[in-house]
Protein backbone atom coordinates (compact mmCIF):
# COMPACT_ATOMS: atom_id res chain seq x y z
CA MET A 1 264.52 -31.10 -55.85
CA GLU A 2 262.61 -28.82 -55.04
CA ASN A 3 261.64 -29.00 -50.89
CA LEU A 4 264.49 -28.28 -49.14
CA THR A 5 263.61 -30.59 -45.48
CA GLN A 6 263.66 -33.41 -48.54
CA LEU A 7 267.83 -33.03 -48.13
CA PRO A 8 269.34 -34.66 -44.97
CA ASN A 9 269.85 -32.25 -41.74
CA ILE A 10 267.79 -29.83 -43.19
CA GLY A 11 263.99 -29.51 -40.91
CA GLU A 12 261.07 -26.92 -40.88
CA THR A 13 263.31 -24.26 -38.92
CA LEU A 14 266.38 -24.92 -40.74
CA ALA A 15 264.24 -24.26 -44.33
CA GLN A 16 262.98 -21.13 -42.90
CA LYS A 17 266.24 -20.02 -42.56
CA LEU A 18 267.05 -20.63 -45.58
CA ASN A 19 263.82 -19.64 -47.30
CA THR A 20 264.63 -15.85 -45.59
CA ILE A 21 267.81 -15.36 -47.14
CA GLY A 22 266.31 -15.80 -50.53
CA ILE A 23 267.70 -20.01 -50.67
CA THR A 24 264.28 -21.94 -51.78
CA CYS A 25 266.04 -24.83 -53.49
CA TYR A 26 269.00 -27.93 -52.89
CA ASP A 27 271.18 -25.79 -56.49
CA GLU A 28 270.81 -22.36 -54.59
CA LEU A 29 272.13 -23.93 -51.26
CA ILE A 30 275.06 -25.77 -53.54
CA SER A 31 275.92 -22.45 -55.44
CA MET A 32 275.65 -20.67 -51.97
CA GLY A 33 278.33 -23.04 -49.72
CA SER A 34 277.52 -24.92 -46.42
CA VAL A 35 279.82 -21.29 -44.88
CA GLU A 36 278.24 -19.04 -46.58
CA VAL A 37 275.37 -19.97 -45.82
CA VAL A 38 275.61 -19.87 -42.25
CA LEU A 39 276.81 -16.43 -42.49
CA LYS A 40 274.46 -14.90 -44.53
CA ILE A 41 271.79 -16.45 -41.90
CA GLY A 42 274.86 -14.99 -39.09
CA GLU A 43 273.53 -11.83 -40.04
CA SER A 44 270.04 -11.58 -38.40
CA ASP A 45 269.67 -14.13 -36.78
CA GLN A 46 271.94 -14.36 -33.64
CA THR A 47 271.11 -18.66 -33.35
CA THR A 48 273.90 -20.19 -35.61
CA CYS A 49 276.79 -22.28 -34.67
CA TYR A 50 279.01 -25.37 -35.90
CA ASN A 51 276.05 -28.17 -36.08
CA MET A 52 274.08 -25.55 -38.25
CA LEU A 53 277.77 -25.71 -40.60
CA TYR A 54 277.54 -29.25 -40.70
CA ALA A 55 273.96 -29.73 -40.98
CA LEU A 56 274.17 -27.66 -44.36
CA GLU A 57 277.52 -29.86 -45.59
CA GLY A 58 275.96 -33.07 -44.50
CA ALA A 59 272.39 -31.40 -46.72
CA ILE A 60 275.36 -30.73 -49.77
CA ARG A 61 276.80 -33.92 -49.60
CA GLY A 62 273.76 -35.48 -48.90
CA VAL A 63 274.12 -37.41 -45.77
CA ARG A 64 273.55 -37.01 -42.54
CA TRP A 65 276.00 -34.65 -40.40
CA HIS A 66 277.32 -37.06 -39.00
CA ALA A 67 278.98 -39.04 -41.26
CA ILE A 68 281.25 -36.37 -42.13
CA SER A 69 284.28 -36.95 -40.20
CA LYS A 70 286.28 -35.11 -37.38
CA GLU A 71 288.25 -33.53 -39.43
CA GLU A 72 286.30 -32.30 -41.85
CA ARG A 73 284.17 -30.76 -39.64
CA LYS A 74 287.51 -29.42 -38.28
CA GLN A 75 288.36 -28.02 -42.21
CA LEU A 76 285.01 -26.18 -42.57
CA LYS A 77 285.38 -24.85 -38.43
CA ASP A 78 288.48 -23.70 -39.25
CA GLU A 79 287.28 -22.14 -42.40
CA PHE A 80 284.11 -20.83 -41.34
CA ASP A 81 285.85 -18.97 -38.44
CA ALA A 82 288.48 -17.61 -41.34
CA VAL A 83 285.86 -16.33 -43.36
CA SER A 84 284.12 -14.83 -40.10
CA VAL A 85 287.07 -13.10 -38.34
CA LYS A 86 287.63 -11.64 -42.33
CA GLU A 87 284.03 -10.33 -42.12
CA ALA A 88 284.46 -8.65 -38.88
CA ARG A 89 287.36 -6.57 -40.15
CA TYR A 90 285.86 -5.20 -41.90
């Protein structure tokens, strides 16, 4: 799948943000993972949020982000928070 907008949760705006950080296909998105992608986008774009994290995780899984359970979303949020705090220290 070469067009990122064909993935669930990814519209033109998010696809452009992905392209800006060098992600142009599904395999690149999977390889980097949702947490790392949001962190990378956040280096130059202050509009990142947990909903973007969930949207990207849903895109990787091939589901709308609403289908990700609350427990899984909490795990993603906790992982993101842990990594972002760790990176902020350096």
